[in-house]
Protein backbone atom coordinates (compact mmCIF):
# COMPACT_ATOMS: atom_id res chain seq x y z
CA MET A 1 -25.01 -19.53 -17.54
CA ALA A 2 -26.72 -18.04 -14.48
CA ARG A 3 -24.86 -15.67 -12.17
CA GLN A 4 -23.31 -17.32 -9.11
CA ASN A 5 -21.66 -14.39 -7.29
CA ALA A 6 -21.52 -10.62 -7.35
CA ASP A 7 -19.00 -8.63 -9.36
CA LEU A 8 -15.59 -8.09 -7.82
CA LEU A 9 -15.14 -4.83 -5.96
CA VAL A 10 -11.44 -4.66 -6.82
CA GLY A 11 -12.33 -4.68 -10.52
CA VAL A 12 -10.69 -6.47 -13.38
CA PRO A 13 -7.03 -5.49 -13.94
CA PRO A 14 -5.93 -2.88 -14.80
CA GLN A 15 -9.08 -1.25 -13.39
CA ARG A 16 -8.99 0.18 -9.88
CA HIS A 17 -12.36 1.49 -8.71
CA TYR A 18 -11.44 2.26 -5.09
CA ALA A 19 -8.45 3.26 -2.98
CA ALA A 20 -9.26 2.16 0.57
CA ALA A 21 -5.57 2.18 1.56
CA GLY A 22 -4.97 5.57 -0.06
CA THR A 23 -1.42 5.82 -1.34
CA ARG A 24 -0.07 3.29 1.15
CA ARG A 25 1.73 0.46 -0.56
CA ALA A 26 2.63 -2.95 0.73
CA THR A 27 5.55 -2.67 3.16
CA LYS A 28 8.76 -4.64 3.41
CA GLU A 29 7.08 -6.83 6.00
CA LEU A 30 5.18 -8.62 3.22
CA ARG A 31 6.38 -12.22 3.07
CA PHE A 32 5.16 -15.78 2.61
CA GLU A 33 5.66 -18.71 4.94
CA ASP A 34 4.72 -22.36 5.11
CA GLY A 35 5.08 -24.96 7.82
CA ILE A 36 3.42 -27.82 9.68
CA ILE A 37 0.82 -27.35 12.42
CA ASN A 38 1.82 -28.95 15.72
CA GLU A 39 -1.36 -29.55 17.76
CA PRO A 40 -1.43 -33.06 19.26
CA ASP A 41 -4.73 -32.29 21.03
CA ASN A 42 -6.46 -31.66 17.70
CA PRO A 43 -5.98 -34.72 15.46
CA GLU A 44 -7.89 -33.12 12.57
CA VAL A 45 -5.24 -30.46 11.94
CA HIS A 46 -2.19 -32.05 13.60
CA GLU A 47 0.80 -32.34 11.26
CA THR A 48 -1.05 -30.67 8.38
CA ARG A 49 0.78 -28.15 6.22
CA TYR A 50 -0.23 -24.50 6.26
CA HIS A 51 0.60 -21.55 4.00
CA SER A 52 0.62 -18.02 5.43
CA VAL A 53 1.10 -14.53 4.08
CA PHE A 54 2.25 -11.72 6.39
CA VAL A 55 0.93 -8.29 5.46
CA GLU A 56 0.73 -5.02 7.37
CA GLY A 57 -2.49 -3.11 8.04
CA PHE A 58 -4.89 -2.18 10.83
CA LYS A 59 -8.32 -3.06 12.20
CA LEU A 60 -10.96 -0.61 11.06
CA ASP A 61 -14.12 -1.97 12.66
CA GLN A 62 -16.03 -5.06 13.81
CA VAL A 63 -19.24 -6.59 12.55
CA LYS A 64 -22.17 -5.84 14.87
CA GLU A 65 -25.29 -6.75 12.87
CA LEU A 66 -25.94 -8.60 9.62
CA GLY A 67 -28.92 -8.64 7.32
CA PRO A 68 -29.92 -11.74 5.36
CA ALA A 69 -27.99 -12.59 2.23
CA SER A 70 -29.37 -11.41 -1.08
CA GLN A 71 -31.01 -14.28 -2.95
CA GLN A 72 -30.86 -14.12 -6.74
CA GLY A 73 -29.79 -10.49 -6.53
CA ASN A 74 -33.00 -9.26 -4.88
CA VAL A 75 -32.98 -6.63 -2.13
CA PRO A 76 -34.27 -8.23 1.13
CA LYS A 77 -36.89 -6.28 3.04
CA GLU A 78 -34.71 -6.42 6.19
CA TRP A 79 -32.06 -4.25 4.56
CA LYS A 80 -34.24 -1.18 4.30
CA ARG A 81 -35.57 -1.87 7.79
CA MET A 82 -32.01 -1.84 9.20
CA LEU A 83 -31.48 1.67 7.84
CA GLN A 84 -34.86 2.78 9.15
CA ASN A 85 -34.03 1.47 12.61
CA TYR A 86 -30.77 3.38 12.53
CA GLN A 87 -32.74 6.47 11.50
CA ASN A 88 -35.00 6.01 14.54
CA GLU A 89 -32.01 5.62 16.85
CA THR A 90 -30.42 8.75 15.43
CA PHE A 91 -33.54 10.82 16.00
CA LYS A 92 -33.89 9.51 19.55
CA SER A 93 -30.26 10.27 20.37
CA ARG A 94 -30.65 13.83 19.05
CA GLY A 95 -33.88 14.38 20.97
CA GLU A 96 -35.73 15.27 17.78
CA TRP A 97 -38.22 12.43 18.24
CA ALA A 98 -39.30 12.67 21.85
CA ASP A 99 -42.87 11.49 21.25
CA PRO A 100 -43.03 7.92 19.85
CA ASN A 101 -46.52 8.64 18.50
CA ASN A 102 -45.25 11.34 16.16
CA PRO A 103 -44.53 10.03 12.66
CA LEU A 104 -40.97 10.02 11.42
CA PRO A 105 -39.96 12.09 8.41
CA ASP A 106 -40.04 10.40 5.04
CA PHE A 107 -37.24 7.84 4.79
CA TRP A 108 -36.32 8.87 1.25
CA GLU A 109 -35.64 12.42 2.41
CA SER A 110 -33.24 11.34 5.18
CA PRO A 111 -29.43 10.95 4.99
CA GLU A 112 -29.91 7.22 5.65
CA ALA A 113 -31.72 6.89 2.32
CA GLN A 114 -28.74 8.47 0.57
CA ASP A 115 -26.47 5.91 2.20
CA PHE A 116 -28.90 3.11 1.29
CA TRP A 117 -28.92 3.62 -2.47
CA ARG A 118 -25.17 4.27 -2.58
CA ILE A 119 -24.54 1.01 -0.71
CA LEU A 120 -26.75 -0.92 -3.15
CA VAL A 121 -24.70 0.26 -6.14
CA ALA A 122 -21.39 0.33 -4.18
CA ASP A 123 -21.13 4.06 -4.96
CA ARG A 124 -20.25 3.37 -8.59
CA ASN A 125 -22.06 2.99 -11.88
CA SER A 126 -21.62 0.15 -14.35
CA SER A 127 -18.52 1.81 -15.83
CA GLY A 128 -16.78 2.14 -12.46
CA ASN A 129 -17.31 5.92 -12.28
CA ASN A 130 -19.32 8.00 -9.82
CA PRO A 131 -23.03 7.09 -9.82
CA GLU A 132 -25.58 9.22 -11.64
CA ARG A 133 -27.55 11.74 -9.63
CA PHE A 134 -30.92 10.31 -10.67
CA PHE A 135 -30.24 6.90 -9.08
CA PRO A 136 -32.08 7.70 -5.80
CA ARG A 137 -35.18 8.87 -7.67
CA LEU A 138 -35.20 5.70 -9.76
CA LEU A 139 -34.85 3.50 -6.65
CA LYS A 140 -37.70 5.35 -4.92
CA PHE A 141 -39.81 4.92 -8.07
CA ALA A 142 -39.17 1.15 -8.01
CA TYR A 143 -40.24 0.92 -4.35
CA ASP A 144 -43.32 3.07 -5.02
CA GLN A 145 -44.33 0.88 -7.95
CA GLN A 146 -44.05 -2.15 -5.69
CA ALA A 147 -46.15 -0.43 -3.02
CA THR A 148 -48.96 0.23 -5.50
CA GLN A 149 -49.09 -3.50 -6.15
CA GLY A 150 -49.69 -4.20 -2.44
CA LYS A 151 -46.09 -5.35 -1.77
CA ARG A 152 -44.88 -2.50 0.41
CA ASN A 153 -43.03 -4.65 2.97
CA GLU A 154 -41.66 -7.29 0.64
CA LYS A 155 -38.28 -7.64 -1.02
CA LEU A 156 -37.39 -5.61 -4.09
CA ASP A 157 -37.48 -8.12 -6.94
CA THR A 158 -34.75 -6.91 -9.28
CA SER A 159 -35.09 -9.87 -11.65
CA LYS A 160 -38.77 -9.14 -12.25
CA ILE A 161 -38.10 -5.47 -12.99
CA ILE A 162 -35.25 -6.38 -15.37
CA ASN A 163 -37.33 -8.93 -17.28
CA TYR A 164 -40.75 -7.24 -17.29
CA GLY A 165 -40.10 -3.59 -16.54
CA THR A 166 -40.90 -0.84 -19.03
CA CYS A 167 -38.58 1.92 -17.80
CA GLU A 168 -35.10 1.41 -19.24
CA PRO A 169 -33.21 3.62 -16.72
CA VAL A 170 -34.80 1.68 -13.84
CA LYS A 171 -33.86 -1.62 -15.49
CA ASP A 172 -30.24 -0.43 -15.85
CA LEU A 173 -30.20 0.51 -12.17
CA MET A 174 -31.56 -2.91 -11.19
CA VAL A 175 -28.83 -4.59 -13.27
CA ARG A 176 -26.20 -2.62 -11.35
CA ILE A 177 -27.77 -3.40 -7.96
CA LYS A 178 -28.06 -7.10 -8.79
CA SER A 179 -24.40 -7.31 -9.83
CA MET A 180 -23.28 -5.78 -6.52
CA ILE A 181 -25.48 -7.47 -3.89
CA TYR A 182 -25.67 -11.01 -5.30
CA ASN A 183 -24.94 -13.41 -2.36
CA ARG A 184 -23.80 -10.52 -0.18
CA LYS A 185 -25.11 -9.28 3.17
CA LEU A 186 -25.81 -5.82 4.49
CA VAL A 187 -23.59 -5.13 7.50
CA ARG A 188 -23.70 -2.71 10.40
CA THR A 189 -20.48 -2.27 12.37
CA GLN A 190 -19.74 -1.28 15.95
CA ASN A 191 -19.17 2.32 14.83
CA ASN A 192 -22.47 2.40 12.87
CA ARG A 193 -20.95 2.03 9.45
CA PHE A 194 -22.93 0.20 6.77
CA GLY A 195 -21.76 -1.77 3.77
CA LEU A 196 -21.76 -5.04 1.86
CA VAL A 197 -19.89 -8.14 3.04
CA PRO A 198 -19.56 -11.73 1.78
CA ASP A 199 -22.21 -14.32 2.57
CA ALA A 200 -19.82 -16.22 4.89
CA THR A 201 -19.40 -13.24 7.22
CA GLU A 202 -20.46 -13.69 10.86
CA VAL A 203 -21.07 -11.33 13.76
CA GLY A 204 -17.76 -10.57 15.46
CA ASP A 205 -15.63 -10.73 12.31
CA ILE A 206 -13.08 -7.96 11.81
CA ILE A 207 -13.00 -5.43 8.99
CA CYS A 208 -9.41 -4.53 8.17
CA ILE A 209 -7.47 -2.25 5.87
CA LEU A 210 -4.40 -3.90 4.37
CA TYR A 211 -1.66 -1.65 3.01
CA GLY A 212 -1.60 -1.93 -0.76
CA SER A 213 -5.19 -3.15 -1.05
CA SER A 214 -7.82 -1.08 -2.86
CA VAL A 215 -10.78 -2.41 -0.81
CA PRO A 216 -11.33 -3.40 2.83
CA VAL A 217 -11.38 -7.07 3.73
CA VAL A 218 -13.27 -9.19 6.25
CA MET A 219 -11.13 -11.51 8.38
CA ARG A 220 -11.81 -13.93 11.20
CA GLU A 221 -9.45 -14.16 14.15
CA HIS A 222 -8.22 -17.55 15.42
CA LYS A 223 -5.97 -18.45 18.33
CA LYS A 224 -3.11 -20.87 18.07
CA SER A 225 -2.36 -23.55 20.59
CA GLU A 226 0.61 -22.94 22.87
CA SER A 227 2.62 -25.78 21.33
CA ASP A 228 1.93 -24.58 17.80
CA ALA A 229 2.78 -20.96 18.64
CA ARG A 230 5.99 -22.00 20.39
CA GLU A 231 7.06 -24.25 17.49
CA GLN A 232 6.37 -21.57 14.87
CA LYS A 233 8.21 -18.93 16.87
CA LYS A 234 11.24 -21.18 17.11
CA LEU A 235 11.09 -21.93 13.38
CA ARG A 236 10.90 -18.23 12.48
CA GLN A 237 13.85 -17.43 14.74
CA GLU A 238 15.91 -20.11 13.01
CA ARG A 239 14.97 -18.72 9.62
CA ARG A 240 15.95 -15.20 10.66
CA GLU A 241 19.33 -16.45 11.89
CA GLN A 242 19.85 -18.38 8.66
CA LYS A 243 19.05 -15.29 6.56
CA LEU A 244 21.42 -13.20 8.68
CA LYS A 245 24.20 -15.73 8.17
CA GLU A 246 23.60 -15.73 4.43
CA LYS A 247 23.75 -11.92 4.33
CA VAL A 248 27.01 -11.86 6.31
CA ALA A 249 28.54 -14.54 4.10
CA ASP A 250 27.48 -12.72 0.96
CA ALA A 251 28.94 -9.42 2.24
CA CYS A 252 32.24 -11.12 3.14
CA LEU A 253 32.40 -12.77 -0.27
CA ARG A 254 31.81 -9.47 -2.07
CA TRP A 255 34.47 -7.78 0.06
CA PHE A 256 36.96 -10.57 -0.68
CA TYR A 257 36.40 -10.41 -4.44
CA ARG A 258 36.59 -6.61 -4.43
CA ARG A 259 39.91 -6.75 -2.61
CA LYS A 260 41.31 -9.33 -5.01
CA VAL A 261 40.22 -7.28 -8.02
CA ASN A 262 41.86 -4.15 -6.60
CA GLU A 263 45.10 -6.06 -6.02
CA LEU A 264 45.07 -7.33 -9.60
CA ILE A 265 44.47 -3.82 -10.93
CA LEU A 266 47.39 -2.45 -8.91
CA LYS A 267 49.67 -5.22 -10.15
CA LEU A 268 48.59 -4.58 -13.74
CA LYS A 269 49.30 -0.86 -13.46
CA GLU A 270 52.71 -1.55 -11.91
CA ALA A 271 53.54 -3.94 -14.73
CA GLN A 272 52.53 -1.32 -17.33
CA ARG A 273 54.73 1.32 -15.68
CA ASN A 274 57.69 -1.06 -15.58
CA ALA A 275 57.15 -1.92 -19.24
CA ARG A 276 57.14 1.76 -20.24
CA ARG A 277 60.29 2.43 -18.24
CA SER A 278 62.14 -0.48 -19.76
CA ALA A 279 61.19 0.66 -23.29
CA ILE A 280 63.11 4.00 -22.91
CA PRO A 281 66.86 3.73 -23.97
CA GLU A 282 69.28 4.77 -21.22
CA SER A 283 71.95 6.11 -23.68
CA GLN A 284 69.88 9.11 -24.79
CA PRO A 285 70.00 12.12 -22.45
CA ALA A 286 66.76 13.56 -21.16
CA SER A 287 65.74 16.49 -23.37
CA GLN A 288 63.97 19.60 -22.15
CA PRO A 289 60.39 19.71 -23.43
CA ALA A 290 59.66 22.60 -25.78
CA SER A 291 56.36 23.63 -24.21
CA PRO A 292 55.01 23.79 -20.63
CA VAL A 293 52.40 21.22 -21.52
CA LEU A 294 55.09 18.61 -22.23
CA SER A 295 56.66 19.22 -18.83
CA HIS A 296 54.02 16.91 -17.34
CA ILE A 297 55.49 13.97 -19.24
CA ASN A 298 57.89 11.82 -17.21
CA GLY A 299 61.00 10.60 -18.97
CA PRO A 300 62.84 11.64 -22.19
CA LEU A 301 61.18 11.80 -25.61
CA THR A 302 62.66 9.66 -28.37
CA SER A 303 60.49 10.78 -31.31
CA VAL A 304 57.95 13.31 -32.45
CA SER A 305 55.16 10.77 -32.18
CA GLU A 306 56.09 10.08 -28.55
CA ALA A 307 56.01 13.84 -27.90
CA GLY A 308 52.54 14.00 -29.40
CA ASN A 309 51.38 11.09 -27.29
CA GLY A 310 52.86 12.68 -24.20
CA ALA A 311 51.09 15.97 -24.90
CA LEU A 312 47.81 14.16 -25.34
CA GLN A 313 48.28 12.34 -22.05
CA ALA A 314 49.21 15.58 -20.33
CA SER A 315 46.05 17.26 -21.65
CA ARG A 316 44.04 14.38 -20.28
CA ASN A 317 45.71 14.78 -16.90
CA VAL A 318 44.91 18.50 -16.95
CA SER A 319 41.26 17.78 -17.80
CA ARG A 320 41.07 15.51 -14.79
CA THR A 321 42.47 18.16 -12.46
CA PRO A 322 39.95 19.63 -10.00
CA ARG A 323 38.56 23.06 -10.85
CA ASN A 324 39.94 24.75 -7.76
CA LEU A 325 43.50 23.74 -8.77
CA ARG A 326 43.01 25.00 -12.36
CA LYS A 327 41.92 28.43 -11.06
CA GLY A 328 44.87 29.03 -8.81
CA GLY A 329 45.82 25.85 -7.03
CA SER A 330 45.31 25.32 -3.35
CA ILE A 331 45.16 29.05 -2.57
CA LEU A 332 41.50 29.34 -3.61
CA ALA A 333 40.64 25.99 -2.09
CA ASN A 334 41.94 27.02 1.33
CA ASP A 335 40.71 30.63 1.24
CA PRO A 336 38.58 31.19 4.39
CA SER A 337 36.50 33.94 2.78
CA ARG A 338 35.67 31.67 -0.16
CA LYS A 339 34.58 28.87 2.20
CA GLU A 340 32.42 31.27 4.24
CA HIS A 341 30.74 32.59 1.10
CA SER A 342 30.04 29.05 -0.09
CA ASN A 343 28.53 28.07 3.26
CA LYS A 344 26.29 31.17 3.23
CA ARG A 345 25.02 30.36 -0.26
CA LYS A 346 24.33 26.75 0.74
CA GLN A 347 22.46 27.81 3.90
CA ALA A 348 20.38 30.35 1.96
CA HIS A 349 19.50 27.75 -0.63
CA GLU A 350 18.41 25.29 2.07
CA ASP A 351 16.33 27.96 3.83
CA GLY A 352 14.59 28.95 0.63
CA ARG A 353 13.91 25.36 -0.30
CA SER A 354 12.44 24.55 3.12
CA ALA A 355 10.23 27.64 2.96
CA LYS A 356 8.81 26.92 -0.51
CA VAL A 357 8.48 23.16 -0.50
CA PRO A 358 5.97 21.77 2.05
CA ARG A 359 7.06 19.10 4.43
CA LYS A 360 6.53 15.67 2.90
CA GLU A 361 4.12 13.40 4.74
CA THR A 362 5.77 10.38 6.24
CA ASN A 363 4.76 7.25 4.34
CA LEU A 364 4.69 4.25 6.64
CA SER A 365 4.86 1.96 3.63
CA ASP A 366 8.33 3.23 2.66
CA HIS A 367 9.89 3.02 6.12
CA SER A 368 8.47 0.28 8.28
CA ASP A 369 9.24 0.97 11.92
CA GLU A 370 9.19 -2.34 13.72
CA GLY A 371 9.09 -0.55 17.05
CA ASN A 372 5.53 0.67 16.38
CA LEU A 373 4.42 -2.51 14.59
CA PHE A 374 2.34 -4.94 16.63
CA SER A 375 2.59 -8.64 15.87
CA ASP A 376 0.87 -11.36 17.89
CA ASP A 377 2.47 -14.76 17.34
CA GLY A 378 -0.42 -16.45 19.15
CA LYS A 379 -3.06 -15.50 16.53
CA PHE A 380 -3.71 -15.94 12.85
CA TYR A 381 -6.50 -14.73 10.58
CA CYS A 382 -8.64 -16.34 7.91
CA LEU A 383 -9.59 -14.18 4.95
CA ILE A 384 -13.36 -14.18 4.39
CA GLY A 385 -13.34 -11.86 1.41
CA GLU A 386 -13.50 -8.29 0.16
CA CYS A 387 -16.19 -5.89 1.32
CA TYR A 388 -17.66 -2.45 0.73
CA ILE A 389 -17.83 -0.06 3.70
CA HIS A 390 -19.61 3.17 2.91
CA ASN A 391 -17.49 6.33 3.17
CA MET A 392 -14.34 4.23 3.75
CA MET A 393 -13.36 3.38 0.18
CA ASN A 394 -11.22 6.35 -0.88
CA GLY A 395 -8.57 6.74 1.81
CA GLU A 396 -10.83 7.94 4.63
CA ALA A 397 -9.67 5.09 6.88
CA ILE A 398 -6.03 6.08 6.40
CA GLN A 399 -6.94 9.64 7.36
CA LEU A 400 -8.60 8.38 10.53
CA GLN A 401 -5.48 6.42 11.43
CA ASN A 402 -3.25 9.44 10.79
CA ASP A 403 -5.45 11.65 12.98
CA GLU A 404 -5.27 9.13 15.82
CA MET A 405 -1.50 8.92 15.51
CA GLU A 406 -1.24 12.71 15.79
CA THR A 407 -3.44 12.80 18.91
CA GLY A 408 -1.57 9.88 20.49
CA GLU A 409 -4.51 7.46 20.50
CA LYS A 410 -3.92 3.79 19.73
CA ASN A 411 -7.33 2.56 18.61
CA MET A 412 -5.98 1.69 15.17
CA PRO A 413 -2.42 0.43 15.68
CA ARG A 414 -0.41 -1.02 12.85
CA ILE A 415 -0.61 -4.80 12.92
CA LEU A 416 1.29 -7.48 11.07
CA PHE A 417 -1.46 -9.93 10.11
CA GLU A 418 -0.71 -13.60 9.52
CA ILE A 419 -3.35 -14.68 7.01
CA ARG A 420 -3.94 -18.36 6.30
């Protein structure tokens, strides 16, 4: 069977090749919802059922430019040209290329070439580990071999190299490239980031980081009609009120049962005490216990076995006595000097612990603050697919968001996405 699509970036469970969201997990805002679309002006979707998932994340970037989709796993000639154009723009912005007649440095010696080959292999080898260091030399060799055949400005035919090539390392590299770029496009974002996106991606689509996801995703923003947004907002408010009523009812029910159980326990203990009192004969005088331990037993003793049982119960009562009472009663417990010494030891322990242990970073996934969470009821998003954004696959996007939060900027606010 011929290949139809590229390999998944998320990997096959339990593999996890990337960590775009860092250590951020899905928050408590994650939920599922279904309903009926109410748009009388649009008969095609009116009264159709929808299914939505609400997940927290943020917008990383936006698609600015797209190269053609890879056909049969071959590298289109426009892809390399996009990186070369970005190299030209970079030199012009730095003032290092003032004369247009001067030739540019070799592309394969530039940082853009390093980004190019890493994008083609998605910065991983076939085993999901870091790529080998000789990959760029092999890719340059493949392009040079194509140039000697008079095909300098044509696509890189990976299938031909795999089937008819003689260099095994180059063939292995082509297999990796083909598995990553098949039916994918090269993308350039508004912030000049490059990567691989699905074939259905269009200019203007949004690249987002979802908390709990290992790779970025491409989503397309849609606006709801006013009637649909108003109806869904009303439905969600009713559902929140219903959940609140269920929680209150459940709490009241638990409190009621707990109270009833406590009353039954008290009645049972009272009945046991009355039964023990009625079992003691009133004709026998109360005898003085022979040992201080037996003085804790209430009532007279009628036999040696009862004395033994009473001693055992007294020992149990002593074992349950607080330590401060065993060591001198309430005198030690209420001693001001003892309390002051205890407070000093506690304060010293807390000071030492705060000095040795670094302050733990606040994890937004554990405590979701709705006050800083933005949610637009008038929009929803369609998931286009996963994507690879170079230098944003191992938690760098989360670091950017944290830096902006510290400086007070709001270019990457937390958003509750409704994905349909």
